[in-house]
Amino acid sequence: MKKVVIENAKVIDHKKLTDLVKKSKAHWGYTLSQMKEWDNELTINHDYINSNEVFKLSLDNHIIGCYSYLKINHNTVKLDFFFILPNYIGKGFGKLLMHHFFKKIENDTIKKIMVESDPNAENFYANYGFKTIDKLKSSIENRFLPLMQKDI
């Protein structure tokens, strides 16, 4: 039986989490130059972990997924990072992370969740009740990021 654990990320996890995020993003076929352009956006550093709610999903002590969120105001959070290593996509780990996230915010004053989705993840979020409310221009020509919202 494999051991699955979701827990707060620690500052020492920052390199593993950043590698995970970059591998997961690259899974969707983005070019090396696009990935380099997004390097800062895809980096989880010490300050980010210390300043936000960051969680890691481990399978047999190997980090395979993560998510983070931040409070926008007293009733809105932004789901900021949400990534699974490519070999584990489609195997239920995203569902585990999403349910963990919903549990973390359920007793709070949160009424709305926002997420700027990668176009490849829009259907994943839609399966959890997120609705696309806008399209944000991205750094890639003719590509837009779905701005999604879920009311609680």
Protein backbone atom coordinates (compact mmCIF):
# COMPACT_ATOMS: atom_id res chain seq x y z
CA MET A 1 0.00 0.00 0.00
CA LYS A 2 1.43 3.34 -1.04
CA LYS A 3 1.47 6.13 1.52
CA VAL A 4 -0.11 9.44 0.38
CA VAL A 5 0.38 12.52 2.56
CA ILE A 6 -0.70 16.14 2.06
CA GLU A 7 1.00 18.56 4.41
CA ASN A 8 2.33 22.09 4.69
CA ALA A 9 5.36 22.66 2.51
CA LYS A 10 8.55 23.62 4.30
CA VAL A 11 11.09 26.19 3.15
CA ILE A 12 13.56 23.36 2.43
CA ASP A 13 11.05 22.01 -0.16
CA HIS A 14 11.33 25.09 -2.39
CA LYS A 15 13.69 23.57 -5.00
CA LYS A 16 11.72 20.32 -5.29
CA LEU A 17 8.46 22.26 -5.59
CA THR A 18 9.88 24.58 -8.24
CA ASP A 19 11.19 21.60 -10.25
CA LEU A 20 7.78 19.92 -9.95
CA VAL A 21 5.96 23.06 -11.14
CA LYS A 22 8.27 23.50 -14.14
CA LYS A 23 8.04 19.83 -15.17
CA SER A 24 4.27 19.93 -14.88
CA LYS A 25 3.98 23.13 -16.94
CA ALA A 26 6.37 21.80 -19.61
CA HIS A 27 4.17 18.70 -19.91
CA TRP A 28 1.73 20.77 -22.01
CA GLY A 29 4.26 21.23 -24.81
CA TYR A 30 5.46 24.76 -24.18
CA THR A 31 8.73 25.70 -25.88
CA LEU A 32 11.97 26.11 -23.97
CA SER A 33 11.90 29.86 -24.64
CA GLN A 34 8.37 30.10 -23.24
CA MET A 35 9.40 28.18 -20.16
CA LYS A 36 12.41 30.48 -19.65
CA GLU A 37 10.13 33.51 -19.99
CA TRP A 38 7.95 32.14 -17.18
CA ASP A 39 10.87 31.16 -14.93
CA ASN A 40 10.07 33.69 -12.18
CA GLU A 41 6.34 32.96 -12.28
CA LEU A 42 7.00 29.23 -11.90
CA THR A 43 9.45 29.56 -9.01
CA ILE A 44 8.47 28.83 -5.43
CA ASN A 45 11.03 30.47 -3.17
CA HIS A 46 11.56 30.77 0.60
CA ASP A 47 9.59 34.00 0.88
CA TYR A 48 6.64 32.57 -1.04
CA ILE A 49 6.42 29.55 1.27
CA ASN A 50 6.74 31.76 4.37
CA SER A 51 4.08 34.21 3.16
CA ASN A 52 1.40 31.92 1.72
CA GLU A 53 -0.47 28.69 2.32
CA VAL A 54 1.61 26.11 0.42
CA PHE A 55 0.92 22.37 0.53
CA LYS A 56 2.75 19.39 -0.90
CA LEU A 57 1.41 15.97 -1.82
CA SER A 58 3.85 13.13 -1.26
CA LEU A 59 3.60 9.54 -2.40
CA ASP A 60 5.95 7.29 -0.43
CA ASN A 61 7.93 10.38 0.69
CA HIS A 62 8.34 11.61 -2.90
CA ILE A 63 6.72 15.00 -3.66
CA ILE A 64 4.44 14.57 -6.67
CA GLY A 65 2.05 17.52 -6.35
CA CYS A 66 1.49 20.87 -4.72
CA TYR A 67 -0.91 23.75 -4.41
CA SER A 68 -0.98 27.15 -2.80
CA TYR A 69 -3.48 29.85 -2.14
CA LEU A 70 -3.50 33.39 -0.88
CA LYS A 71 -6.19 35.60 0.58
CA ILE A 72 -7.23 38.47 -1.66
CA ASN A 73 -9.61 39.90 0.94
CA HIS A 74 -11.78 38.61 3.81
CA ASN A 75 -14.05 36.59 1.50
CA THR A 76 -11.90 35.80 -1.57
CA VAL A 77 -8.90 33.50 -2.07
CA LYS A 78 -6.77 32.95 -5.13
CA LEU A 79 -5.72 29.40 -5.91
CA ASP A 80 -2.22 30.28 -7.08
CA PHE A 81 -0.17 27.15 -7.77
CA PHE A 82 -1.80 23.79 -8.52
CA PHE A 83 0.50 21.23 -10.11
CA ILE A 84 1.00 17.47 -10.37
CA LEU A 85 4.05 15.74 -11.86
CA PRO A 86 3.19 14.57 -15.41
CA ASN A 87 3.45 10.83 -14.61
CA TYR A 88 0.73 11.25 -11.98
CA ILE A 89 -1.72 13.42 -13.95
CA GLY A 90 -5.08 11.70 -14.45
CA LYS A 91 -4.62 9.30 -11.53
CA GLY A 92 -6.75 11.05 -8.91
CA PHE A 93 -4.04 13.07 -7.19
CA GLY A 94 -5.43 16.38 -8.46
CA LYS A 95 -8.77 15.39 -6.96
CA LEU A 96 -7.07 14.70 -3.60
CA LEU A 97 -5.38 18.10 -3.67
CA MET A 98 -8.58 19.92 -4.67
CA HIS A 99 -10.58 18.30 -1.88
CA HIS A 100 -7.82 19.13 0.60
CA PHE A 101 -7.94 22.76 -0.57
CA PHE A 102 -11.73 22.94 -0.18
CA LYS A 103 -11.39 21.49 3.35
CA LYS A 104 -8.74 24.07 4.27
CA ILE A 105 -10.99 27.00 3.42
CA GLU A 106 -14.42 25.64 4.39
CA ASN A 107 -14.51 27.04 7.93
CA ASP A 108 -13.24 30.43 6.87
CA THR A 109 -15.23 33.46 5.70
CA ILE A 110 -14.39 32.58 2.09
CA LYS A 111 -17.23 33.02 -0.39
CA LYS A 112 -15.27 33.07 -3.65
CA ILE A 113 -12.23 31.31 -5.14
CA MET A 114 -10.37 32.78 -8.11
CA VAL A 115 -7.85 31.00 -10.35
CA GLU A 116 -5.96 32.05 -13.46
CA SER A 117 -5.95 28.72 -15.23
CA ASP A 118 -3.61 27.41 -17.85
CA PRO A 119 -5.81 26.76 -20.92
CA ASN A 120 -4.95 23.05 -20.62
CA ALA A 121 -6.36 22.92 -17.08
CA GLU A 122 -9.64 24.78 -17.70
CA ASN A 123 -11.71 21.58 -17.90
CA PHE A 124 -10.13 20.26 -14.70
CA TYR A 125 -11.27 23.33 -12.77
CA ALA A 126 -14.68 23.32 -14.47
CA ASN A 127 -15.20 19.80 -13.10
CA TYR A 128 -15.01 21.33 -9.60
CA GLY A 129 -17.54 24.07 -10.26
CA PHE A 130 -15.25 26.85 -11.45
CA LYS A 131 -16.74 29.06 -14.16
CA THR A 132 -14.71 31.01 -16.71
CA ILE A 133 -15.56 34.68 -16.16
CA ASP A 134 -12.91 36.31 -18.36
CA LYS A 135 -9.93 35.60 -20.61
CA LEU A 136 -6.61 37.23 -19.72
CA LYS A 137 -4.06 37.97 -22.42
CA SER A 138 -0.93 35.88 -21.96
CA SER A 139 2.65 36.42 -23.07
CA ILE A 140 2.06 34.04 -26.00
CA GLU A 141 0.39 35.63 -29.01
CA ASN A 142 -3.25 34.55 -29.50
CA ARG A 143 -3.26 32.64 -26.19
CA PHE A 144 -5.50 33.61 -23.31
CA LEU A 145 -5.64 32.44 -19.72
CA PRO A 146 -9.09 31.57 -18.43
CA LEU A 147 -9.87 33.62 -15.33
CA MET A 148 -12.11 31.30 -13.37
CA GLN A 149 -14.26 31.73 -10.28
CA LYS A 150 -16.05 29.42 -7.92
CA ASP A 151 -18.67 30.75 -5.53
CA ILE A 152 -18.98 28.87 -2.26
